[in-house]
Amino acid sequence: MEKSGKAVHSEDIRIFYKNRGILDELKIGGELNLSTEIQIFDNGPIHVKGDFDLKDGQGKSFPKKEEAYLCRCNLSSNKPFCDGQHEGNLSHCARVENA
């Protein structure tokens, strides 16, 4: 794995997360899971899954989760998280344009 032009070794990653007390949360089948997947659901929220740090406008981190559903409709009473208020109120399907 490489980050910012420097090689990053799995043992360095293991030590980094172990020192922060979250190493066990990142293990899947004994292996570290350091990837993040973001999907925009049709007419719904943004789904974020994997290794991520969600911060508020002041830079404070929300509690660490394995996945989150983020509001796109601005109707949720639990922002930035989705609470299902978009049902029937959001009409948008994000699509990748062919390059």
N, C-alpha and C. Protein backbone atom coordinates (compact mmCIF):
# COMPACT_ATOMS: atom_id res chain seq x y z
N MET A 1 0.85 -1.17 0.00
CA MET A 1 0.00 0.00 0.00
C MET A 1 0.89 1.23 0.00
N GLU A 2 0.43 2.29 -0.69
CA GLU A 2 1.20 3.51 -0.75
C GLU A 2 0.31 4.69 -0.41
N LYS A 3 0.86 5.65 0.30
CA LYS A 3 0.10 6.85 0.67
C LYS A 3 1.05 8.04 0.59
N SER A 4 0.64 9.06 -0.13
CA SER A 4 1.44 10.27 -0.30
C SER A 4 2.85 9.98 -0.80
N GLY A 5 2.97 8.99 -1.70
CA GLY A 5 4.27 8.68 -2.27
C GLY A 5 5.17 7.86 -1.38
N LYS A 6 4.77 7.59 -0.15
CA LYS A 6 5.57 6.80 0.77
C LYS A 6 4.93 5.43 0.94
N ALA A 7 5.74 4.40 0.98
CA ALA A 7 5.21 3.06 1.21
C ALA A 7 4.72 2.95 2.65
N VAL A 8 3.55 2.38 2.82
CA VAL A 8 3.00 2.17 4.16
C VAL A 8 2.92 0.67 4.38
N HIS A 9 3.55 0.20 5.42
CA HIS A 9 3.58 -1.22 5.70
C HIS A 9 2.44 -1.62 6.62
N SER A 10 1.91 -2.83 6.41
CA SER A 10 0.76 -3.28 7.20
C SER A 10 1.06 -3.27 8.69
N GLU A 11 2.30 -3.53 9.08
CA GLU A 11 2.63 -3.51 10.51
C GLU A 11 2.54 -2.08 11.06
N ASP A 12 2.92 -1.09 10.27
CA ASP A 12 2.78 0.31 10.69
C ASP A 12 1.31 0.65 10.88
N ILE A 13 0.47 0.19 9.97
CA ILE A 13 -0.97 0.43 10.07
C ILE A 13 -1.53 -0.25 11.31
N ARG A 14 -1.11 -1.48 11.54
CA ARG A 14 -1.57 -2.26 12.71
C ARG A 14 -1.21 -1.51 14.01
N ILE A 15 0.00 -1.01 14.11
CA ILE A 15 0.44 -0.28 15.31
C ILE A 15 -0.35 1.01 15.45
N PHE A 16 -0.54 1.74 14.35
CA PHE A 16 -1.29 3.00 14.37
C PHE A 16 -2.68 2.78 14.96
N TYR A 17 -3.42 1.79 14.46
CA TYR A 17 -4.78 1.55 14.94
C TYR A 17 -4.81 0.90 16.32
N LYS A 18 -3.83 0.06 16.61
CA LYS A 18 -3.78 -0.57 17.94
C LYS A 18 -3.59 0.49 19.02
N ASN A 19 -2.74 1.46 18.75
CA ASN A 19 -2.49 2.54 19.71
C ASN A 19 -3.73 3.40 19.94
N ARG A 20 -4.66 3.38 19.01
CA ARG A 20 -5.90 4.14 19.15
C ARG A 20 -7.04 3.29 19.67
N GLY A 21 -6.77 2.04 19.96
CA GLY A 21 -7.77 1.15 20.57
C GLY A 21 -8.86 0.69 19.63
N ILE A 22 -8.65 0.77 18.32
CA ILE A 22 -9.71 0.36 17.39
C ILE A 22 -9.25 -0.73 16.43
N LEU A 23 -8.12 -1.38 16.71
CA LEU A 23 -7.62 -2.41 15.81
C LEU A 23 -8.64 -3.52 15.60
N ASP A 24 -9.26 -4.01 16.66
CA ASP A 24 -10.19 -5.12 16.54
C ASP A 24 -11.40 -4.76 15.70
N GLU A 25 -11.82 -3.50 15.71
CA GLU A 25 -12.97 -3.07 14.90
C GLU A 25 -12.66 -3.14 13.41
N LEU A 26 -11.38 -3.07 13.05
CA LEU A 26 -11.00 -3.04 11.64
C LEU A 26 -10.68 -4.42 11.07
N LYS A 27 -10.67 -5.45 11.90
CA LYS A 27 -10.34 -6.78 11.44
C LYS A 27 -11.57 -7.48 10.89
N ILE A 28 -11.42 -8.04 9.73
CA ILE A 28 -12.47 -8.86 9.14
C ILE A 28 -11.80 -10.17 8.76
N GLY A 29 -12.20 -11.27 9.40
CA GLY A 29 -11.59 -12.55 9.12
C GLY A 29 -10.10 -12.56 9.41
N GLY A 30 -9.69 -11.80 10.44
CA GLY A 30 -8.29 -11.76 10.82
C GLY A 30 -7.46 -10.76 10.02
N GLU A 31 -8.04 -10.17 9.00
CA GLU A 31 -7.32 -9.20 8.16
C GLU A 31 -7.81 -7.79 8.43
N LEU A 32 -6.93 -6.83 8.28
CA LEU A 32 -7.32 -5.43 8.43
C LEU A 32 -8.16 -4.99 7.24
N ASN A 33 -9.22 -4.28 7.51
CA ASN A 33 -10.05 -3.71 6.45
C ASN A 33 -9.86 -2.20 6.47
N LEU A 34 -9.10 -1.68 5.52
CA LEU A 34 -8.79 -0.26 5.50
C LEU A 34 -9.37 0.45 4.29
N SER A 35 -10.41 -0.12 3.71
CA SER A 35 -11.02 0.51 2.55
C SER A 35 -12.33 1.18 2.91
N THR A 36 -12.75 2.10 2.09
CA THR A 36 -14.01 2.81 2.28
C THR A 36 -14.80 2.74 0.99
N GLU A 37 -16.10 2.50 1.12
CA GLU A 37 -16.99 2.48 -0.04
C GLU A 37 -18.10 3.50 0.21
N ILE A 38 -18.38 4.32 -0.80
CA ILE A 38 -19.44 5.32 -0.70
C ILE A 38 -20.39 5.10 -1.87
N GLN A 39 -21.67 4.94 -1.55
CA GLN A 39 -22.68 4.72 -2.60
C GLN A 39 -23.83 5.70 -2.39
N ILE A 40 -24.27 6.31 -3.48
CA ILE A 40 -25.41 7.22 -3.43
C ILE A 40 -26.63 6.42 -3.88
N PHE A 41 -27.55 6.18 -2.96
CA PHE A 41 -28.74 5.41 -3.27
C PHE A 41 -29.72 6.24 -4.10
N ASP A 42 -30.39 5.57 -5.04
CA ASP A 42 -31.43 6.24 -5.81
C ASP A 42 -32.51 6.75 -4.87
N ASN A 43 -32.84 8.03 -4.99
CA ASN A 43 -33.91 8.65 -4.19
C ASN A 43 -33.73 8.43 -2.69
N GLY A 44 -32.48 8.32 -2.26
CA GLY A 44 -32.22 8.04 -0.85
C GLY A 44 -30.90 8.59 -0.36
N PRO A 45 -30.41 8.04 0.74
CA PRO A 45 -29.22 8.57 1.40
C PRO A 45 -27.91 8.19 0.72
N ILE A 46 -26.85 8.72 1.27
CA ILE A 46 -25.49 8.33 0.91
C ILE A 46 -25.05 7.28 1.92
N HIS A 47 -24.61 6.12 1.44
CA HIS A 47 -24.18 5.03 2.31
C HIS A 47 -22.65 5.02 2.32
N VAL A 48 -22.06 5.13 3.50
CA VAL A 48 -20.61 5.10 3.68
C VAL A 48 -20.28 3.86 4.52
N LYS A 49 -19.36 3.05 4.02
CA LYS A 49 -19.03 1.80 4.71
C LYS A 49 -17.52 1.58 4.67
N GLY A 50 -16.97 1.13 5.79
CA GLY A 50 -15.54 0.82 5.84
C GLY A 50 -14.81 1.67 6.86
N ASP A 51 -13.60 2.08 6.48
CA ASP A 51 -12.74 2.87 7.36
C ASP A 51 -12.91 4.35 7.05
N PHE A 52 -13.63 5.06 7.90
CA PHE A 52 -13.84 6.49 7.67
C PHE A 52 -14.00 7.21 9.00
N ASP A 53 -13.78 8.51 8.97
CA ASP A 53 -13.95 9.36 10.15
C ASP A 53 -14.90 10.47 9.75
N LEU A 54 -16.09 10.49 10.32
CA LEU A 54 -17.11 11.48 10.00
C LEU A 54 -17.02 12.62 11.01
N LYS A 55 -16.82 13.84 10.49
CA LYS A 55 -16.63 15.00 11.37
C LYS A 55 -17.71 16.04 11.13
N ASP A 56 -18.01 16.81 12.17
CA ASP A 56 -18.98 17.90 12.05
C ASP A 56 -18.28 19.15 11.52
N GLY A 57 -19.00 20.25 11.42
CA GLY A 57 -18.47 21.49 10.87
C GLY A 57 -17.34 22.10 11.68
N GLN A 58 -17.20 21.67 12.94
CA GLN A 58 -16.13 22.17 13.79
C GLN A 58 -14.95 21.20 13.86
N GLY A 59 -15.03 20.11 13.08
CA GLY A 59 -13.95 19.14 13.04
C GLY A 59 -14.01 18.08 14.13
N LYS A 60 -15.10 18.04 14.88
CA LYS A 60 -15.25 17.02 15.93
C LYS A 60 -15.81 15.75 15.32
N SER A 61 -15.22 14.62 15.69
CA SER A 61 -15.62 13.33 15.14
C SER A 61 -16.88 12.78 15.78
N PHE A 62 -17.78 12.25 14.93
CA PHE A 62 -18.92 11.50 15.43
C PHE A 62 -18.39 10.15 15.93
N PRO A 63 -19.13 9.46 16.80
CA PRO A 63 -18.68 8.14 17.25
C PRO A 63 -18.39 7.22 16.06
N LYS A 64 -17.31 6.46 16.18
CA LYS A 64 -16.86 5.57 15.10
C LYS A 64 -17.89 4.50 14.83
N LYS A 65 -18.23 4.30 13.55
CA LYS A 65 -19.17 3.28 13.11
C LYS A 65 -18.57 2.55 11.92
N GLU A 66 -19.06 1.36 11.67
CA GLU A 66 -18.62 0.60 10.50
C GLU A 66 -19.31 1.11 9.24
N GLU A 67 -20.52 1.67 9.40
CA GLU A 67 -21.23 2.23 8.26
C GLU A 67 -22.17 3.33 8.72
N ALA A 68 -22.52 4.20 7.79
CA ALA A 68 -23.44 5.30 8.09
C ALA A 68 -24.27 5.60 6.86
N TYR A 69 -25.49 6.05 7.10
CA TYR A 69 -26.39 6.49 6.04
C TYR A 69 -26.59 7.99 6.25
N LEU A 70 -26.11 8.78 5.29
CA LEU A 70 -26.12 10.23 5.43
C LEU A 70 -27.27 10.84 4.64
N CYS A 71 -27.96 11.79 5.27
CA CYS A 71 -29.12 12.46 4.69
C CYS A 71 -28.74 13.29 3.47
N ARG A 72 -29.56 13.18 2.41
CA ARG A 72 -29.40 14.04 1.22
C ARG A 72 -30.60 14.97 1.03
N CYS A 73 -31.69 14.70 1.73
CA CYS A 73 -32.93 15.44 1.47
C CYS A 73 -33.12 16.65 2.38
N ASN A 74 -32.32 16.76 3.42
CA ASN A 74 -32.39 17.85 4.40
C ASN A 74 -33.67 17.81 5.25
N LEU A 75 -34.34 16.66 5.30
CA LEU A 75 -35.56 16.54 6.10
C LEU A 75 -35.35 15.73 7.38
N SER A 76 -34.22 15.07 7.51
CA SER A 76 -33.97 14.21 8.67
C SER A 76 -33.95 15.02 9.97
N SER A 77 -34.52 14.46 11.00
CA SER A 77 -34.45 15.08 12.32
C SER A 77 -33.21 14.59 13.07
N ASN A 78 -32.39 13.78 12.42
CA ASN A 78 -31.18 13.22 13.02
C ASN A 78 -29.97 13.52 12.13
N LYS A 79 -29.93 14.72 11.53
CA LYS A 79 -28.83 15.09 10.63
C LYS A 79 -27.49 14.98 11.34
N PRO A 80 -26.46 14.54 10.69
CA PRO A 80 -26.34 14.32 9.26
C PRO A 80 -26.83 12.93 8.83
N PHE A 81 -27.38 12.15 9.75
CA PHE A 81 -27.79 10.79 9.44
C PHE A 81 -29.22 10.75 8.89
N CYS A 82 -29.47 9.77 8.05
CA CYS A 82 -30.78 9.58 7.44
C CYS A 82 -31.73 8.95 8.45
N ASP A 83 -32.98 9.43 8.47
CA ASP A 83 -33.99 8.80 9.31
C ASP A 83 -35.20 8.36 8.49
N GLY A 84 -35.05 8.33 7.16
CA GLY A 84 -36.11 7.84 6.29
C GLY A 84 -37.10 8.88 5.82
N GLN A 85 -36.93 10.14 6.21
CA GLN A 85 -37.87 11.19 5.83
C GLN A 85 -37.86 11.48 4.33
N HIS A 86 -36.86 10.96 3.62
CA HIS A 86 -36.77 11.20 2.18
C HIS A 86 -37.84 10.44 1.39
N GLU A 87 -38.44 9.43 1.98
CA GLU A 87 -39.43 8.60 1.28
C GLU A 87 -40.50 9.49 0.64
N GLY A 88 -40.55 9.48 -0.68
CA GLY A 88 -41.53 10.28 -1.41
C GLY A 88 -41.19 11.75 -1.52
N ASN A 89 -40.07 12.17 -0.92
CA ASN A 89 -39.69 13.58 -0.92
C ASN A 89 -38.38 13.87 -1.65
N LEU A 90 -37.74 12.83 -2.18
CA LEU A 90 -36.46 13.02 -2.86
C LEU A 90 -36.51 12.29 -4.19
N SER A 91 -36.19 12.99 -5.24
CA SER A 91 -36.19 12.40 -6.57
C SER A 91 -34.86 12.72 -7.23
N HIS A 92 -33.89 11.84 -7.01
CA HIS A 92 -32.57 12.03 -7.62
C HIS A 92 -31.86 10.71 -7.71
N CYS A 93 -31.35 10.42 -8.89
CA CYS A 93 -30.57 9.20 -9.12
C CYS A 93 -29.22 9.62 -9.69
N ALA A 94 -28.17 9.50 -8.90
CA ALA A 94 -26.82 9.86 -9.37
C ALA A 94 -26.32 8.78 -10.31
N ARG A 95 -25.77 9.18 -11.43
CA ARG A 95 -25.25 8.24 -12.41
C ARG A 95 -23.87 8.68 -12.85
N VAL A 96 -23.01 7.72 -13.09
CA VAL A 96 -21.67 7.98 -13.62
C VAL A 96 -21.81 8.25 -15.11
N GLU A 97 -21.28 9.35 -15.57
CA GLU A 97 -21.29 9.69 -16.99
C GLU A 97 -20.21 8.88 -17.69
N ASN A 98 -20.50 8.39 -18.87
CA ASN A 98 -19.48 7.69 -19.65
C ASN A 98 -18.45 8.70 -20.13
N ALA A 99 -17.19 8.40 -19.86
CA ALA A 99 -16.12 9.34 -20.23
C ALA A 99 -15.58 9.05 -21.60
